[in-house]
């Protein structure tokens, strides 16, 4: 008789990042009845920061930033639909309007206002749109490595399409999974790599290593999007009236300097910083610099507000 027990993998499972002191987790329910996992760091009464991860990201990607800032801030992040421990969308509704609705639900559930909004890549698109729609709620906006047009064309957009088109269904073992992510993210630290493997993959009942996120649904939406639901960010960026900072990586193939400069020309509420040596994943490549830029920018925003 054959055993139904899954094969025992001989290579070690990834080391999930340890929770920070006071780290909290809970779930909220979206308007279309999906459960989203939320993580928080910092005292509930501290000034709030909402953090939005990228296309294949997860809420825990912000843990280094939380470690640096949680003494002074309340940081709130969530696994966006289809990622991490959040529900997958059976309708594969992985578009900006759905992400925006989820963010609005979170803000309403927590009853937060006057918060700092931070968005990386895909999360940056949502952050632009939310800041334009809800200027009364956003104290300041920080965008990590995305500008209008970044997702539509250019080296970075084509790279992401190639990666998603060639996405493996699963892996033989954790060694193969690590090698896959190391090939895509050659410059991230071992700690960041382990966290990404742990948060994006899990062992299946058959003993394979499968995706923890809705890889098929998210890839399909990215590769074959509904043209009517693609967001033109230029009029949105032009309408934003809250203090805004764009942080881009010097080696980024996704967020081009000329596009960022054009944003500053069209809307003087924006400024930008290019982080030396960083790629599209600035908060992974240069966590101390990213935290320092956050603190410096917000200090300037509050000083300007006090002088008015």
C-alpha atoms as a PDB file:
ATOM      1  CA  UNK A   1       0.000   0.000   0.000  1.00  0.00           C
ATOM      2  CA  UNK A   2       1.331   3.406  -0.956  1.00  0.00           C
ATOM      3  CA  UNK A   3       1.661   5.970   1.784  1.00  0.00           C
ATOM      4  CA  UNK A   4      -0.293   9.245   1.446  1.00  0.00           C
ATOM      5  CA  UNK A   5       2.320  11.076   3.471  1.00  0.00           C
ATOM      6  CA  UNK A   6       4.107  13.821   1.563  1.00  0.00           C
ATOM      7  CA  UNK A   7       7.813  13.260   0.877  1.00  0.00           C
ATOM      8  CA  UNK A   8      10.148  14.664   3.512  1.00  0.00           C
ATOM      9  CA  UNK A   9      12.347  17.359   2.048  1.00  0.00           C
ATOM     10  CA  UNK A  10      15.976  17.125   3.057  1.00  0.00           C
ATOM     11  CA  UNK A  11      16.872  20.774   2.500  1.00  0.00           C
ATOM     12  CA  UNK A  12      15.904  23.288   5.190  1.00  0.00           C
ATOM     13  CA  UNK A  13      12.717  25.307   4.991  1.00  0.00           C
ATOM     14  CA  UNK A  14      13.203  29.086   4.840  1.00  0.00           C
ATOM     15  CA  UNK A  15      13.775  30.999   8.039  1.00  0.00           C
ATOM     16  CA  UNK A  16      10.706  33.157   8.518  1.00  0.00           C
ATOM     17  CA  UNK A  17      11.529  36.550   9.949  1.00  0.00           C
ATOM     18  CA  UNK A  18      11.052  36.854  13.676  1.00  0.00           C
ATOM     19  CA  UNK A  19       8.216  39.075  14.816  1.00  0.00           C
ATOM     20  CA  UNK A  20       9.230  42.394  16.254  1.00  0.00           C
ATOM     21  CA  UNK A  21       8.341  43.216  19.835  1.00  0.00           C
ATOM     22  CA  UNK A  22       4.714  44.294  19.921  1.00  0.00           C
ATOM     23  CA  UNK A  23       3.979  43.128  16.363  1.00  0.00           C
ATOM     24  CA  UNK A  24       0.249  42.513  15.898  1.00  0.00           C
ATOM     25  CA  UNK A  25      -1.720  40.572  13.280  1.00  0.00           C
ATOM     26  CA  UNK A  26      -5.429  40.472  12.454  1.00  0.00           C
ATOM     27  CA  UNK A  27      -7.776  40.248   9.466  1.00  0.00           C
ATOM     28  CA  UNK A  28     -10.211  42.647   7.837  1.00  0.00           C
ATOM     29  CA  UNK A  29     -12.938  41.849   5.290  1.00  0.00           C
ATOM     30  CA  UNK A  30     -13.129  43.617   1.924  1.00  0.00           C
ATOM     31  CA  UNK A  31     -16.302  44.840   0.231  1.00  0.00           C
ATOM     32  CA  UNK A  32     -16.273  41.710  -1.913  1.00  0.00           C
ATOM     33  CA  UNK A  33     -15.858  39.454   1.145  1.00  0.00           C
ATOM     34  CA  UNK A  34     -12.158  38.599   0.987  1.00  0.00           C
ATOM     35  CA  UNK A  35     -10.117  38.306   4.174  1.00  0.00           C
ATOM     36  CA  UNK A  36      -6.927  40.380   4.238  1.00  0.00           C
ATOM     37  CA  UNK A  37      -4.149  39.820   6.781  1.00  0.00           C
ATOM     38  CA  UNK A  38      -2.949  43.034   8.450  1.00  0.00           C
ATOM     39  CA  UNK A  39       0.292  43.553  10.373  1.00  0.00           C
ATOM     40  CA  UNK A  40       0.988  46.450  12.718  1.00  0.00           C
ATOM     41  CA  UNK A  41       4.060  47.741  14.504  1.00  0.00           C
ATOM     42  CA  UNK A  42       4.392  50.574  17.000  1.00  0.00           C
ATOM     43  CA  UNK A  43       2.052  51.997  19.603  1.00  0.00           C
ATOM     44  CA  UNK A  44      -1.614  52.306  18.534  1.00  0.00           C
ATOM     45  CA  UNK A  45      -1.599  55.962  19.583  1.00  0.00           C
ATOM     46  CA  UNK A  46       1.444  56.939  17.493  1.00  0.00           C
ATOM     47  CA  UNK A  47       1.083  58.800  14.169  1.00  0.00           C
ATOM     48  CA  UNK A  48      -0.054  56.257  11.543  1.00  0.00           C
ATOM     49  CA  UNK A  49       1.766  55.109   8.420  1.00  0.00           C
ATOM     50  CA  UNK A  50       0.074  52.823   5.865  1.00  0.00           C
ATOM     51  CA  UNK A  51       2.419  50.716   3.724  1.00  0.00           C
ATOM     52  CA  UNK A  52       1.517  49.130   0.372  1.00  0.00           C
ATOM     53  CA  UNK A  53       3.762  46.422  -1.090  1.00  0.00           C
ATOM     54  CA  UNK A  54       4.449  45.639  -4.737  1.00  0.00           C
ATOM     55  CA  UNK A  55       3.141  43.168  -7.303  1.00  0.00           C
ATOM     56  CA  UNK A  56       4.720  40.052  -5.803  1.00  0.00           C
ATOM     57  CA  UNK A  57       5.281  41.504  -2.351  1.00  0.00           C
ATOM     58  CA  UNK A  58       3.880  40.894   1.120  1.00  0.00           C
ATOM     59  CA  UNK A  59       3.267  42.885   4.279  1.00  0.00           C
ATOM     60  CA  UNK A  60       6.358  41.545   6.037  1.00  0.00           C
ATOM     61  CA  UNK A  61       8.595  43.222   3.461  1.00  0.00           C
ATOM     62  CA  UNK A  62       8.224  46.377   5.602  1.00  0.00           C
ATOM     63  CA  UNK A  63       9.560  44.790   8.807  1.00  0.00           C
ATOM     64  CA  UNK A  64      13.003  46.433   8.567  1.00  0.00           C
ATOM     65  CA  UNK A  65      11.365  49.816   8.142  1.00  0.00           C
ATOM     66  CA  UNK A  66       9.090  49.067  11.093  1.00  0.00           C
ATOM     67  CA  UNK A  67      12.093  48.106  13.199  1.00  0.00           C
ATOM     68  CA  UNK A  68      13.653  51.492  12.480  1.00  0.00           C
ATOM     69  CA  UNK A  69      10.512  53.601  12.936  1.00  0.00           C
ATOM     70  CA  UNK A  70       8.118  51.849  15.330  1.00  0.00           C
ATOM     71  CA  UNK A  71       9.340  53.779  18.361  1.00  0.00           C
ATOM     72  CA  UNK A  72       7.765  56.934  16.905  1.00  0.00           C
ATOM     73  CA  UNK A  73       5.183  55.686  14.408  1.00  0.00           C
ATOM     74  CA  UNK A  74       2.302  53.218  14.099  1.00  0.00           C
ATOM     75  CA  UNK A  75       3.040  51.268  10.917  1.00  0.00           C
ATOM     76  CA  UNK A  76       0.211  49.374   9.228  1.00  0.00           C
ATOM     77  CA  UNK A  77       0.732  46.971   6.321  1.00  0.00           C
ATOM     78  CA  UNK A  78      -1.417  44.266   4.780  1.00  0.00           C
ATOM     79  CA  UNK A  79      -1.043  41.349   2.409  1.00  0.00           C
ATOM     80  CA  UNK A  80      -2.895  42.614  -0.639  1.00  0.00           C
ATOM     81  CA  UNK A  81      -5.526  40.342  -2.098  1.00  0.00           C
ATOM     82  CA  UNK A  82      -4.038  37.171  -3.536  1.00  0.00           C
ATOM     83  CA  UNK A  83      -0.809  37.431  -1.514  1.00  0.00           C
ATOM     84  CA  UNK A  84       0.582  36.079   1.740  1.00  0.00           C
ATOM     85  CA  UNK A  85      -2.154  35.015   4.140  1.00  0.00           C
ATOM     86  CA  UNK A  86      -4.867  37.072   2.444  1.00  0.00           C
ATOM     87  CA  UNK A  87      -7.579  35.401   0.374  1.00  0.00           C
ATOM     88  CA  UNK A  88      -7.110  34.814  -3.316  1.00  0.00           C
ATOM     89  CA  UNK A  89      -9.708  36.506  -5.492  1.00  0.00           C
ATOM     90  CA  UNK A  90     -11.730  33.839  -7.338  1.00  0.00           C
ATOM     91  CA  UNK A  91     -12.531  36.445 -10.014  1.00  0.00           C
ATOM     92  CA  UNK A  92      -8.821  37.391 -10.361  1.00  0.00           C
ATOM     93  CA  UNK A  93      -9.764  41.023  -9.700  1.00  0.00           C
ATOM     94  CA  UNK A  94      -6.189  42.244  -9.407  1.00  0.00           C
ATOM     95  CA  UNK A  95      -6.596  45.804 -10.650  1.00  0.00           C
ATOM     96  CA  UNK A  96      -5.973  49.227  -9.148  1.00  0.00           C
ATOM     97  CA  UNK A  97      -9.663  49.883  -8.485  1.00  0.00           C
ATOM     98  CA  UNK A  98      -9.852  46.738  -6.335  1.00  0.00           C
ATOM     99  CA  UNK A  99      -6.638  47.576  -4.468  1.00  0.00           C
ATOM    100  CA  UNK A 100      -7.955  51.113  -3.915  1.00  0.00           C
ATOM    101  CA  UNK A 101     -11.214  49.759  -2.504  1.00  0.00           C
ATOM    102  CA  UNK A 102      -9.283  47.469  -0.153  1.00  0.00           C
ATOM    103  CA  UNK A 103      -7.194  50.392   1.089  1.00  0.00           C
ATOM    104  CA  UNK A 104     -10.334  52.460   1.646  1.00  0.00           C
ATOM    105  CA  UNK A 105     -11.804  49.568   3.630  1.00  0.00           C
ATOM    106  CA  UNK A 106      -8.683  49.354   5.809  1.00  0.00           C
ATOM    107  CA  UNK A 107      -8.660  53.090   6.508  1.00  0.00           C
ATOM    108  CA  UNK A 108     -12.360  53.010   7.336  1.00  0.00           C
ATOM    109  CA  UNK A 109     -12.097  49.939   9.572  1.00  0.00           C
ATOM    110  CA  UNK A 110      -9.225  51.464  11.556  1.00  0.00           C
ATOM    111  CA  UNK A 111     -10.700  54.973  11.457  1.00  0.00           C
ATOM    112  CA  UNK A 112      -7.363  56.563  10.697  1.00  0.00           C
ATOM    113  CA  UNK A 113      -6.848  60.005   9.211  1.00  0.00           C
ATOM    114  CA  UNK A 114      -3.933  62.339   8.712  1.00  0.00           C
ATOM    115  CA  UNK A 115      -1.672  59.387   7.932  1.00  0.00           C
ATOM    116  CA  UNK A 116       1.473  58.951   5.870  1.00  0.00           C
ATOM    117  CA  UNK A 117       0.945  56.731   2.816  1.00  0.00           C
ATOM    118  CA  UNK A 118       3.868  54.713   1.416  1.00  0.00           C
ATOM    119  CA  UNK A 119       3.607  52.614  -1.731  1.00  0.00           C
ATOM    120  CA  UNK A 120       6.155  50.479  -3.563  1.00  0.00           C
ATOM    121  CA  UNK A 121       5.746  49.729  -7.279  1.00  0.00           C
ATOM    122  CA  UNK A 122       2.172  48.386  -7.721  1.00  0.00           C
ATOM    123  CA  UNK A 123       1.398  49.712  -4.243  1.00  0.00           C
ATOM    124  CA  UNK A 124       2.712  53.062  -5.428  1.00  0.00           C
ATOM    125  CA  UNK A 125       0.073  53.183  -8.156  1.00  0.00           C
ATOM    126  CA  UNK A 126      -2.638  52.643  -5.542  1.00  0.00           C
ATOM    127  CA  UNK A 127      -1.022  55.268  -3.311  1.00  0.00           C
ATOM    128  CA  UNK A 128      -1.012  57.891  -6.092  1.00  0.00           C
ATOM    129  CA  UNK A 129      -4.712  57.252  -6.756  1.00  0.00           C
ATOM    130  CA  UNK A 130      -5.695  57.270  -3.076  1.00  0.00           C
ATOM    131  CA  UNK A 131      -3.797  60.510  -2.358  1.00  0.00           C
ATOM    132  CA  UNK A 132      -5.516  62.228  -5.284  1.00  0.00           C
ATOM    133  CA  UNK A 133      -8.951  61.004  -4.187  1.00  0.00           C
ATOM    134  CA  UNK A 134      -8.548  61.525  -0.419  1.00  0.00           C
ATOM    135  CA  UNK A 135      -6.257  64.530   0.166  1.00  0.00           C
ATOM    136  CA  UNK A 136      -8.024  65.189   3.470  1.00  0.00           C
ATOM    137  CA  UNK A 137      -6.756  61.889   4.890  1.00  0.00           C
ATOM    138  CA  UNK A 138      -3.167  61.799   3.581  1.00  0.00           C
ATOM    139  CA  UNK A 139      -0.646  63.912   5.485  1.00  0.00           C
ATOM    140  CA  UNK A 140       2.201  62.998   3.145  1.00  0.00           C
ATOM    141  CA  UNK A 141       2.892  60.582   0.299  1.00  0.00           C
ATOM    142  CA  UNK A 142       6.052  58.514  -0.274  1.00  0.00           C
ATOM    143  CA  UNK A 143       6.323  56.580  -3.528  1.00  0.00           C
ATOM    144  CA  UNK A 144       9.002  53.953  -4.030  1.00  0.00           C
ATOM    145  CA  UNK A 145      10.236  53.477  -7.586  1.00  0.00           C
ATOM    146  CA  UNK A 146       7.240  53.946  -9.831  1.00  0.00           C
ATOM    147  CA  UNK A 147       6.196  56.775 -12.138  1.00  0.00           C
ATOM    148  CA  UNK A 148       3.523  57.173 -14.813  1.00  0.00           C
ATOM    149  CA  UNK A 149       4.282  54.767 -17.627  1.00  0.00           C
ATOM    150  CA  UNK A 150       6.552  52.492 -15.588  1.00  0.00           C
ATOM    151  CA  UNK A 151       4.202  49.507 -15.846  1.00  0.00           C
ATOM    152  CA  UNK A 152       3.330  50.075 -19.501  1.00  0.00           C
ATOM    153  CA  UNK A 153       6.701  50.169 -21.237  1.00  0.00           C
ATOM    154  CA  UNK A 154      10.436  50.180 -20.724  1.00  0.00           C
ATOM    155  CA  UNK A 155      13.053  47.686 -19.600  1.00  0.00           C
ATOM    156  CA  UNK A 156      11.518  47.072 -16.190  1.00  0.00           C
ATOM    157  CA  UNK A 157       7.999  46.506 -17.500  1.00  0.00           C
ATOM    158  CA  UNK A 158       9.281  44.037 -20.096  1.00  0.00           C
ATOM    159  CA  UNK A 159      11.419  42.266 -17.484  1.00  0.00           C
ATOM    160  CA  UNK A 160       8.425  41.746 -15.218  1.00  0.00           C
ATOM    161  CA  UNK A 161       6.362  40.419 -18.112  1.00  0.00           C
ATOM    162  CA  UNK A 162       9.128  37.946 -19.009  1.00  0.00           C
ATOM    163  CA  UNK A 163       9.409  36.807 -15.400  1.00  0.00           C
ATOM    164  CA  UNK A 164       5.674  36.267 -15.077  1.00  0.00           C
ATOM    165  CA  UNK A 165       5.372  34.504 -18.433  1.00  0.00           C
ATOM    166  CA  UNK A 166       8.139  32.088 -17.401  1.00  0.00           C
ATOM    167  CA  UNK A 167       6.860  31.586 -13.843  1.00  0.00           C
ATOM    168  CA  UNK A 168       7.313  27.959 -12.699  1.00  0.00           C
ATOM    169  CA  UNK A 169       4.223  26.227 -11.346  1.00  0.00           C
ATOM    170  CA  UNK A 170       6.216  24.865  -8.411  1.00  0.00           C
ATOM    171  CA  UNK A 171       9.667  23.624  -7.358  1.00  0.00           C
ATOM    172  CA  UNK A 172      11.213  20.304  -6.412  1.00  0.00           C
ATOM    173  CA  UNK A 173      12.546  21.577  -3.103  1.00  0.00           C
ATOM    174  CA  UNK A 174      13.505  24.694  -1.113  1.00  0.00           C
ATOM    175  CA  UNK A 175      16.962  24.780  -2.711  1.00  0.00           C
ATOM    176  CA  UNK A 176      15.380  25.199  -6.141  1.00  0.00           C
ATOM    177  CA  UNK A 177      12.975  27.825  -4.790  1.00  0.00           C
ATOM    178  CA  UNK A 178      15.839  29.807  -3.263  1.00  0.00           C
ATOM    179  CA  UNK A 179      17.803  29.609  -6.503  1.00  0.00           C
ATOM    180  CA  UNK A 180      14.812  30.935  -8.431  1.00  0.00           C
ATOM    181  CA  UNK A 181      14.406  33.987  -6.197  1.00  0.00           C
ATOM    182  CA  UNK A 182      18.165  34.591  -6.026  1.00  0.00           C
ATOM    183  CA  UNK A 183      18.243  34.646  -9.818  1.00  0.00           C
ATOM    184  CA  UNK A 184      15.555  37.339  -9.880  1.00  0.00           C
ATOM    185  CA  UNK A 185      16.860  39.331  -6.914  1.00  0.00           C
ATOM    186  CA  UNK A 186      20.660  38.882  -7.014  1.00  0.00           C
ATOM    187  CA  UNK A 187      21.436  41.879  -4.842  1.00  0.00           C
ATOM    188  CA  UNK A 188      19.119  41.461  -1.858  1.00  0.00           C
ATOM    189  CA  UNK A 189      20.556  40.305   1.453  1.00  0.00           C
ATOM    190  CA  UNK A 190      20.305  36.686   2.589  1.00  0.00           C
ATOM    191  CA  UNK A 191      17.844  37.817   5.256  1.00  0.00           C
ATOM    192  CA  UNK A 192      15.602  39.501   2.683  1.00  0.00           C
ATOM    193  CA  UNK A 193      15.847  36.475   0.385  1.00  0.00           C
ATOM    194  CA  UNK A 194      14.825  34.062   3.152  1.00  0.00           C
ATOM    195  CA  UNK A 195      11.893  36.265   4.053  1.00  0.00           C
ATOM    196  CA  UNK A 196      10.741  36.438   0.429  1.00  0.00           C
ATOM    197  CA  UNK A 197      10.958  32.646   0.037  1.00  0.00           C
ATOM    198  CA  UNK A 198       9.065  32.101   3.305  1.00  0.00           C
ATOM    199  CA  UNK A 199       6.322  34.599   2.480  1.00  0.00           C
ATOM    200  CA  UNK A 200       5.795  33.696  -1.172  1.00  0.00           C
ATOM    201  CA  UNK A 201       6.019  29.886  -1.073  1.00  0.00           C
ATOM    202  CA  UNK A 202       4.824  26.918   0.990  1.00  0.00           C
ATOM    203  CA  UNK A 203       5.183  23.132   0.932  1.00  0.00           C
ATOM    204  CA  UNK A 204       2.218  21.444  -0.743  1.00  0.00           C
ATOM    205  CA  UNK A 205       0.568  18.217   0.481  1.00  0.00           C
ATOM    206  CA  UNK A 206       2.364  16.441  -2.381  1.00  0.00           C
ATOM    207  CA  UNK A 207       5.738  17.566  -1.044  1.00  0.00           C
ATOM    208  CA  UNK A 208       6.406  20.140  -3.744  1.00  0.00           C
ATOM    209  CA  UNK A 209       7.119  23.811  -3.087  1.00  0.00           C
ATOM    210  CA  UNK A 210       4.180  25.842  -4.383  1.00  0.00           C
ATOM    211  CA  UNK A 211       3.219  29.480  -4.454  1.00  0.00           C
ATOM    212  CA  UNK A 212       1.651  31.113  -1.419  1.00  0.00           C
ATOM    213  CA  UNK A 213       0.233  33.831  -3.659  1.00  0.00           C
ATOM    214  CA  UNK A 214      -2.180  33.579  -6.599  1.00  0.00           C
ATOM    215  CA  UNK A 215       0.597  33.348  -9.148  1.00  0.00           C
ATOM    216  CA  UNK A 216      -1.622  32.267 -12.038  1.00  0.00           C
ATOM    217  CA  UNK A 217      -4.325  34.888 -11.487  1.00  0.00           C
ATOM    218  CA  UNK A 218      -1.942  37.774 -10.852  1.00  0.00           C
ATOM    219  CA  UNK A 219       0.261  36.827 -13.813  1.00  0.00           C
ATOM    220  CA  UNK A 220      -2.749  36.577 -16.135  1.00  0.00           C
ATOM    221  CA  UNK A 221      -3.995  40.016 -15.116  1.00  0.00           C
ATOM    222  CA  UNK A 222      -0.536  41.520 -15.584  1.00  0.00           C
ATOM    223  CA  UNK A 223       0.131  39.873 -18.944  1.00  0.00           C
ATOM    224  CA  UNK A 224      -3.363  40.220 -20.439  1.00  0.00           C
ATOM    225  CA  UNK A 225      -5.019  43.147 -18.663  1.00  0.00           C
ATOM    226  CA  UNK A 226      -8.444  44.578 -19.369  1.00  0.00           C
ATOM    227  CA  UNK A 227      -7.574  47.793 -21.261  1.00  0.00           C
ATOM    228  CA  UNK A 228     -10.533  49.578 -19.706  1.00  0.00           C
ATOM    229  CA  UNK A 229      -9.112  49.128 -16.213  1.00  0.00           C
ATOM    230  CA  UNK A 230      -5.570  50.354 -16.830  1.00  0.00           C
ATOM    231  CA  UNK A 231      -4.936  53.588 -14.948  1.00  0.00           C
ATOM    232  CA  UNK A 232      -3.396  56.637 -16.649  1.00  0.00           C
ATOM    233  CA  UNK A 233      -1.349  58.062 -13.797  1.00  0.00           C
ATOM    234  CA  UNK A 234      -0.445  61.414 -15.371  1.00  0.00           C
ATOM    235  CA  UNK A 235      -3.713  63.274 -14.628  1.00  0.00           C
ATOM    236  CA  UNK A 236      -3.767  61.677 -11.176  1.00  0.00           C
ATOM    237  CA  UNK A 237      -0.204  62.768 -10.377  1.00  0.00           C
ATOM    238  CA  UNK A 238      -0.945  66.281 -11.631  1.00  0.00           C
ATOM    239  CA  UNK A 239      -3.936  66.569  -9.258  1.00  0.00           C
ATOM    240  CA  UNK A 240      -2.159  65.536  -6.027  1.00  0.00           C
ATOM    241  CA  UNK A 241      -1.885  68.344  -3.488  1.00  0.00           C
ATOM    242  CA  UNK A 242      -0.206  66.666  -0.519  1.00  0.00           C
ATOM    243  CA  UNK A 243       3.578  66.786   0.149  1.00  0.00           C
ATOM    244  CA  UNK A 244       5.050  63.941  -1.903  1.00  0.00           C
ATOM    245  CA  UNK A 245       8.433  62.247  -2.186  1.00  0.00           C
ATOM    246  CA  UNK A 246       9.532  59.752  -4.823  1.00  0.00           C
ATOM    247  CA  UNK A 247      12.386  57.439  -3.845  1.00  0.00           C
ATOM    248  CA  UNK A 248      13.967  55.677  -6.807  1.00  0.00           C
ATOM    249  CA  UNK A 249      16.877  53.286  -7.111  1.00  0.00           C
ATOM    250  CA  UNK A 250      19.932  54.371  -9.069  1.00  0.00           C
ATOM    251  CA  UNK A 251      20.016  50.956 -10.781  1.00  0.00           C
ATOM    252  CA  UNK A 252      16.264  50.702 -11.266  1.00  0.00           C
ATOM    253  CA  UNK A 253      15.147  49.555 -14.715  1.00  0.00           C
ATOM    254  CA  UNK A 254      11.534  50.403 -13.822  1.00  0.00           C
ATOM    255  CA  UNK A 255      11.364  54.011 -12.621  1.00  0.00           C
ATOM    256  CA  UNK A 256      13.263  56.213 -15.049  1.00  0.00           C
ATOM    257  CA  UNK A 257      14.786  59.498 -13.896  1.00  0.00           C
ATOM    258  CA  UNK A 258      13.321  61.484 -16.777  1.00  0.00           C
ATOM    259  CA  UNK A 259       9.791  60.446 -15.786  1.00  0.00           C
ATOM    260  CA  UNK A 260      10.404  61.506 -12.184  1.00  0.00           C
ATOM    261  CA  UNK A 261      11.795  64.858 -13.287  1.00  0.00           C
ATOM    262  CA  UNK A 262       8.711  65.335 -15.476  1.00  0.00           C
ATOM    263  CA  UNK A 263       6.509  64.738 -12.419  1.00  0.00           C
ATOM    264  CA  UNK A 264       8.369  67.494 -10.567  1.00  0.00           C
ATOM    265  CA  UNK A 265       7.899  69.863 -13.508  1.00  0.00           C
ATOM    266  CA  UNK A 266       4.171  69.187 -13.735  1.00  0.00           C
ATOM    267  CA  UNK A 267       3.490  69.185  -9.987  1.00  0.00           C
ATOM    268  CA  UNK A 268       5.660  71.180  -7.585  1.00  0.00           C
ATOM    269  CA  UNK A 269       4.344  69.291  -4.551  1.00  0.00           C
ATOM    270  CA  UNK A 270       6.678  66.439  -5.590  1.00  0.00           C
ATOM    271  CA  UNK A 271      10.367  66.031  -4.950  1.00  0.00           C
ATOM    272  CA  UNK A 272      12.576  63.009  -5.480  1.00  0.00           C
ATOM    273  CA  UNK A 273      15.713  61.263  -4.228  1.00  0.00           C
ATOM    274  CA  UNK A 274      17.769  58.668  -6.088  1.00  0.00           C
ATOM    275  CA  UNK A 275      19.398  56.115  -3.781  1.00  0.00           C
ATOM    276  CA  UNK A 276      22.904  55.169  -4.910  1.00  0.00           C
ATOM    277  CA  UNK A 277      23.398  51.488  -5.704  1.00  0.00           C
ATOM    278  CA  UNK A 278      19.768  50.515  -5.137  1.00  0.00           C
ATOM    279  CA  UNK A 279      17.572  48.692  -7.623  1.00  0.00           C
ATOM    280  CA  UNK A 280      13.775  48.742  -7.951  1.00  0.00           C
ATOM    281  CA  UNK A 281      13.663  47.355  -4.390  1.00  0.00           C
ATOM    282  CA  UNK A 282      15.098  50.314  -2.510  1.00  0.00           C
ATOM    283  CA  UNK A 283      13.702  49.319   0.890  1.00  0.00           C
ATOM    284  CA  UNK A 284      15.386  45.899   0.519  1.00  0.00           C
ATOM    285  CA  UNK A 285      18.661  47.107  -1.017  1.00  0.00           C
ATOM    286  CA  UNK A 286      19.200  50.119   1.236  1.00  0.00           C
ATOM    287  CA  UNK A 287      16.957  49.807   4.323  1.00  0.00           C
ATOM    288  CA  UNK A 288      18.853  52.327   6.434  1.00  0.00           C
ATOM    289  CA  UNK A 289      18.845  54.928   3.664  1.00  0.00           C
ATOM    290  CA  UNK A 290      15.134  54.362   3.028  1.00  0.00           C
ATOM    291  CA  UNK A 291      14.289  54.812   6.725  1.00  0.00           C
ATOM    292  CA  UNK A 292      16.454  57.927   6.877  1.00  0.00           C
ATOM    293  CA  UNK A 293      14.711  59.448   3.861  1.00  0.00           C
ATOM    294  CA  UNK A 294      11.347  58.736   5.462  1.00  0.00           C
ATOM    295  CA  UNK A 295      12.340  60.458   8.693  1.00  0.00           C
ATOM    296  CA  UNK A 296      13.963  63.433   6.990  1.00  0.00           C
ATOM    297  CA  UNK A 297      11.087  64.025   4.613  1.00  0.00           C
ATOM    298  CA  UNK A 298       8.434  63.824   7.337  1.00  0.00           C
ATOM    299  CA  UNK A 299      10.445  66.138   9.599  1.00  0.00           C
ATOM    300  CA  UNK A 300      10.452  68.694   6.783  1.00  0.00           C
ATOM    301  CA  UNK A 301       6.724  68.258   6.150  1.00  0.00           C
ATOM    302  CA  UNK A 302       5.892  68.841   9.790  1.00  0.00           C
ATOM    303  CA  UNK A 303       8.221  71.807  10.063  1.00  0.00           C
ATOM    304  CA  UNK A 304       6.604  73.401   7.026  1.00  0.00           C
ATOM    305  CA  UNK A 305       3.181  72.768   8.521  1.00  0.00           C
ATOM    306  CA  UNK A 306       4.162  74.370  11.820  1.00  0.00           C
ATOM    307  CA  UNK A 307       5.429  77.491  10.026  1.00  0.00           C
ATOM    308  CA  UNK A 308       2.207  78.045   8.105  1.00  0.00           C
END
